[in-house]
Amino acid sequence: MIKKIFTKVLLLTLVTFSHANALKQEEIQQEMTKRIDNVLQILEKKDKTFAQKGDEIIKIIDDVFDYELMAKIALGKETWSSITPEKQKQFTKVFENKLKKSYIEKLELYNDQKVKIIGLKPHNNTRLQLETELLGKDGIYKINYNFYNKSKDNEEWLIYDVDLVGVSIIQTYRQQFSGLLKEKTFDEMLALLEK
């Protein structure tokens, strides 16, 4: 039951994917509200397959997350610094594709849930967190989008993690990758993830 709830929450969390179109702090709440509303409208369409909906959604919102930083955190500082820049790029792309594929597969779980934006607040001193709630038939679940300022000179806020009902997506992946790297080399793990 918990896994099913987590999967449903993950589905609507990933409605805001990215490649790096930074937002200004004062734009975050309004822009994220607009994007989430657009995603929910696409999900309600009856004339499209889940794959078509997924592709359409990703095109609309594929510019707010920092996949490179997410991949770096998920892999862990020590492993990240031990691989070449080419391998870092390769891993980042594989990780981005894994997140998107997981998201598209979970679209089938969408069942008329709504998202309520609670507000933007300071998080971990230098970061921001957009608090939202997923309102569904099974209950209310907190989804928090964590932003960091990519450039201290300019305000360029990007998402680096998402907390689903108190659980960090990136830390969850980090635990998985750490476990795999105890049994496999980095290249073996990368090959496994590419499949």
Protein backbone atom coordinates (compact mmCIF):
# COMPACT_ATOMS: atom_id res chain seq x y z
CA MET A 1 0.00 0.00 0.00
CA ILE A 2 2.81 2.43 0.92
CA LYS A 3 4.66 1.56 -2.30
CA LYS A 4 1.49 2.22 -4.35
CA ILE A 5 0.97 5.59 -2.65
CA PHE A 6 4.65 6.50 -3.13
CA THR A 7 4.39 5.60 -6.83
CA LYS A 8 1.29 7.77 -7.29
CA VAL A 9 2.99 10.66 -5.54
CA LEU A 10 6.12 10.17 -7.65
CA LEU A 11 3.99 10.36 -10.78
CA LEU A 12 2.72 13.84 -10.06
CA THR A 13 6.04 14.94 -8.65
CA LEU A 14 7.79 14.28 -11.88
CA VAL A 15 5.37 16.47 -13.77
CA THR A 16 7.93 19.19 -13.58
CA PHE A 17 11.04 17.80 -15.29
CA SER A 18 14.05 19.71 -16.53
CA HIS A 19 17.11 20.61 -18.45
CA ALA A 20 17.93 24.01 -17.01
CA ASN A 21 15.83 27.05 -17.73
CA ALA A 22 16.42 28.86 -14.47
CA LEU A 23 13.69 30.84 -12.73
CA LYS A 24 13.97 34.04 -10.75
CA GLN A 25 12.93 33.66 -7.10
CA GLU A 26 9.82 35.82 -7.53
CA GLU A 27 8.75 33.69 -10.54
CA ILE A 28 9.02 30.25 -8.94
CA GLN A 29 5.58 29.89 -7.37
CA GLN A 30 3.63 31.38 -10.27
CA GLU A 31 5.60 29.51 -12.96
CA MET A 32 5.43 26.17 -11.17
CA THR A 33 1.67 26.61 -10.63
CA LYS A 34 1.22 27.24 -14.35
CA ARG A 35 3.33 24.24 -15.31
CA ILE A 36 1.57 21.87 -12.93
CA ASP A 37 -1.83 23.08 -14.19
CA ASN A 38 -0.72 22.45 -17.79
CA VAL A 39 0.44 18.95 -16.92
CA LEU A 40 -2.84 18.10 -15.20
CA GLN A 41 -4.75 19.29 -18.29
CA ILE A 42 -2.70 16.98 -20.50
CA LEU A 43 -3.23 14.06 -18.13
CA GLU A 44 -7.00 14.54 -18.37
CA LYS A 45 -7.00 14.18 -22.18
CA LYS A 46 -8.78 11.00 -23.27
CA ASP A 47 -7.60 10.99 -26.91
CA LYS A 48 -3.89 10.37 -26.21
CA THR A 49 -1.89 7.34 -25.12
CA PHE A 50 0.15 7.49 -21.91
CA ALA A 51 3.34 7.61 -23.98
CA GLN A 52 2.01 10.55 -26.03
CA LYS A 53 0.97 12.36 -22.85
CA GLY A 54 4.40 11.74 -21.36
CA ASP A 55 6.20 13.13 -24.39
CA GLU A 56 3.93 16.17 -24.48
CA ILE A 57 4.39 16.87 -20.77
CA ILE A 58 8.16 16.53 -20.90
CA LYS A 59 8.33 19.00 -23.81
CA ILE A 60 6.36 21.54 -21.79
CA ILE A 61 8.32 21.26 -18.57
CA ASP A 62 11.74 19.92 -19.43
CA ASP A 63 13.70 22.95 -18.31
CA VAL A 64 13.45 23.56 -14.57
CA PHE A 65 15.47 20.68 -13.10
CA ASP A 66 19.26 20.54 -13.03
CA TYR A 67 19.85 16.95 -14.18
CA GLU A 68 23.61 17.24 -13.90
CA LEU A 69 23.50 18.26 -10.24
CA MET A 70 20.84 15.63 -9.54
CA ALA A 71 23.02 12.96 -11.15
CA LYS A 72 26.08 14.15 -9.21
CA ILE A 73 24.27 14.04 -5.86
CA ALA A 74 22.66 10.67 -6.67
CA LEU A 75 25.99 9.13 -7.62
CA GLY A 76 27.82 10.58 -4.62
CA LYS A 77 30.71 13.04 -4.52
CA GLU A 78 33.45 10.41 -4.23
CA THR A 79 32.29 8.31 -7.19
CA TRP A 80 31.47 11.39 -9.29
CA SER A 81 34.97 12.83 -8.83
CA SER A 82 36.58 9.45 -9.62
CA ILE A 83 35.14 9.24 -13.16
CA THR A 84 36.11 11.19 -16.27
CA PRO A 85 34.10 14.22 -17.50
CA GLU A 86 32.93 12.05 -20.43
CA LYS A 87 31.63 9.39 -18.03
CA GLN A 88 29.96 12.13 -15.95
CA LYS A 89 28.09 13.35 -19.05
CA GLN A 90 27.18 9.80 -20.00
CA PHE A 91 25.88 9.02 -16.51
CA THR A 92 23.92 12.30 -16.40
CA LYS A 93 22.17 11.43 -19.68
CA VAL A 94 21.42 7.88 -18.55
CA PHE A 95 20.09 9.17 -15.21
CA GLU A 96 17.91 11.80 -16.95
CA ASN A 97 16.50 9.15 -19.30
CA LYS A 98 15.83 6.81 -16.36
CA LEU A 99 13.85 9.50 -14.55
CA LYS A 100 11.82 10.34 -17.66
CA LYS A 101 11.13 6.68 -18.49
CA SER A 102 10.03 6.02 -14.92
CA TYR A 103 7.72 9.03 -15.11
CA ILE A 104 6.09 7.99 -18.39
CA GLU A 105 5.52 4.45 -17.08
CA LYS A 106 3.76 5.85 -14.01
CA LEU A 107 1.31 7.98 -16.01
CA GLU A 108 -1.08 5.02 -16.01
CA LEU A 109 -1.54 5.55 -12.26
CA TYR A 110 -2.99 9.04 -12.73
CA ASN A 111 -6.55 9.12 -11.42
CA ASP A 112 -7.82 12.72 -11.36
CA GLN A 113 -5.56 13.87 -8.52
CA LYS A 114 -5.22 17.60 -7.95
CA VAL A 115 -2.21 19.58 -6.77
CA LYS A 116 -2.43 22.47 -4.31
CA ILE A 117 0.45 24.95 -4.13
CA ILE A 118 1.11 25.83 -0.46
CA GLY A 119 3.93 28.33 -0.92
CA LEU A 120 7.64 29.05 -1.24
CA LYS A 121 9.83 29.12 1.87
CA PRO A 122 13.55 29.24 2.79
CA HIS A 123 15.16 25.79 2.97
CA ASN A 124 18.58 24.80 4.33
CA ASN A 125 19.76 28.42 4.69
CA THR A 126 20.63 29.16 1.04
CA ARG A 127 17.93 27.18 -0.73
CA LEU A 128 14.20 27.44 -1.35
CA GLN A 129 11.43 24.88 -1.12
CA LEU A 130 8.11 25.02 -2.94
CA GLU A 131 5.58 23.15 -0.83
CA THR A 132 2.69 21.45 -2.61
CA GLU A 133 0.09 18.84 -1.75
CA LEU A 134 -1.27 16.06 -3.90
CA LEU A 135 -4.99 15.77 -3.24
CA GLY A 136 -6.32 12.34 -4.12
CA LYS A 137 -8.99 9.84 -3.17
CA ASP A 138 -6.51 8.05 -0.89
CA GLY A 139 -5.54 11.17 1.05
CA ILE A 140 -3.28 14.23 0.96
CA TYR A 141 0.45 13.83 0.30
CA LYS A 142 3.16 16.46 0.59
CA ILE A 143 5.42 17.04 -2.42
CA ASN A 144 8.19 19.60 -1.94
CA TYR A 145 10.37 20.89 -4.78
CA ASN A 146 13.84 21.93 -3.59
CA PHE A 147 15.54 24.78 -5.48
CA TYR A 148 19.09 26.11 -5.39
CA ASN A 149 20.54 29.30 -6.85
CA LYS A 150 22.79 28.12 -9.67
CA SER A 151 24.50 31.50 -10.08
CA LYS A 152 25.12 33.75 -7.10
CA ASP A 153 25.45 36.80 -9.40
CA ASN A 154 22.19 36.21 -11.26
CA GLU A 155 19.06 34.71 -9.78
CA GLU A 156 18.94 31.35 -11.52
CA TRP A 157 16.89 28.94 -9.42
CA LEU A 158 16.68 25.30 -10.50
CA ILE A 159 15.25 22.16 -8.91
CA TYR A 160 17.88 19.77 -7.55
CA ASP A 161 15.64 17.40 -5.59
CA VAL A 162 12.03 16.56 -4.79
CA ASP A 163 10.78 15.32 -1.42
CA LEU A 164 7.85 12.92 -1.70
CA VAL A 165 6.01 12.50 1.58
CA GLY A 166 9.25 13.32 3.38
CA VAL A 167 11.50 11.10 1.23
CA SER A 168 14.13 12.60 -1.10
CA ILE A 169 14.07 11.15 -4.63
CA ILE A 170 17.78 11.85 -5.06
CA GLN A 171 18.76 10.28 -1.72
CA THR A 172 16.69 7.21 -2.65
CA TYR A 173 18.63 6.85 -5.90
CA ARG A 174 21.89 7.49 -4.04
CA GLN A 175 21.19 4.54 -1.75
CA GLN A 176 20.40 2.34 -4.77
CA PHE A 177 23.56 3.37 -6.63
CA SER A 178 25.70 2.97 -3.51
CA GLY A 179 24.36 -0.56 -3.09
CA LEU A 180 25.06 -1.42 -6.74
CA LEU A 181 28.59 -0.01 -6.55
CA LYS A 182 29.40 -2.39 -3.68
CA GLU A 183 28.85 -5.28 -6.11
CA LYS A 184 29.73 -3.76 -9.50
CA THR A 185 32.19 -1.38 -11.10
CA PHE A 186 30.92 2.00 -12.25
CA ASP A 187 30.99 0.84 -15.89
CA GLU A 188 29.02 -2.31 -15.04
CA MET A 189 26.42 -0.25 -13.20
CA LEU A 190 26.21 2.23 -16.08
CA ALA A 191 25.68 -0.61 -18.57
CA LEU A 192 22.94 -2.01 -16.34
CA LEU A 193 21.20 1.39 -16.16
CA GLU A 194 21.41 1.82 -19.93
CA LYS A 195 19.40 -1.36 -20.52
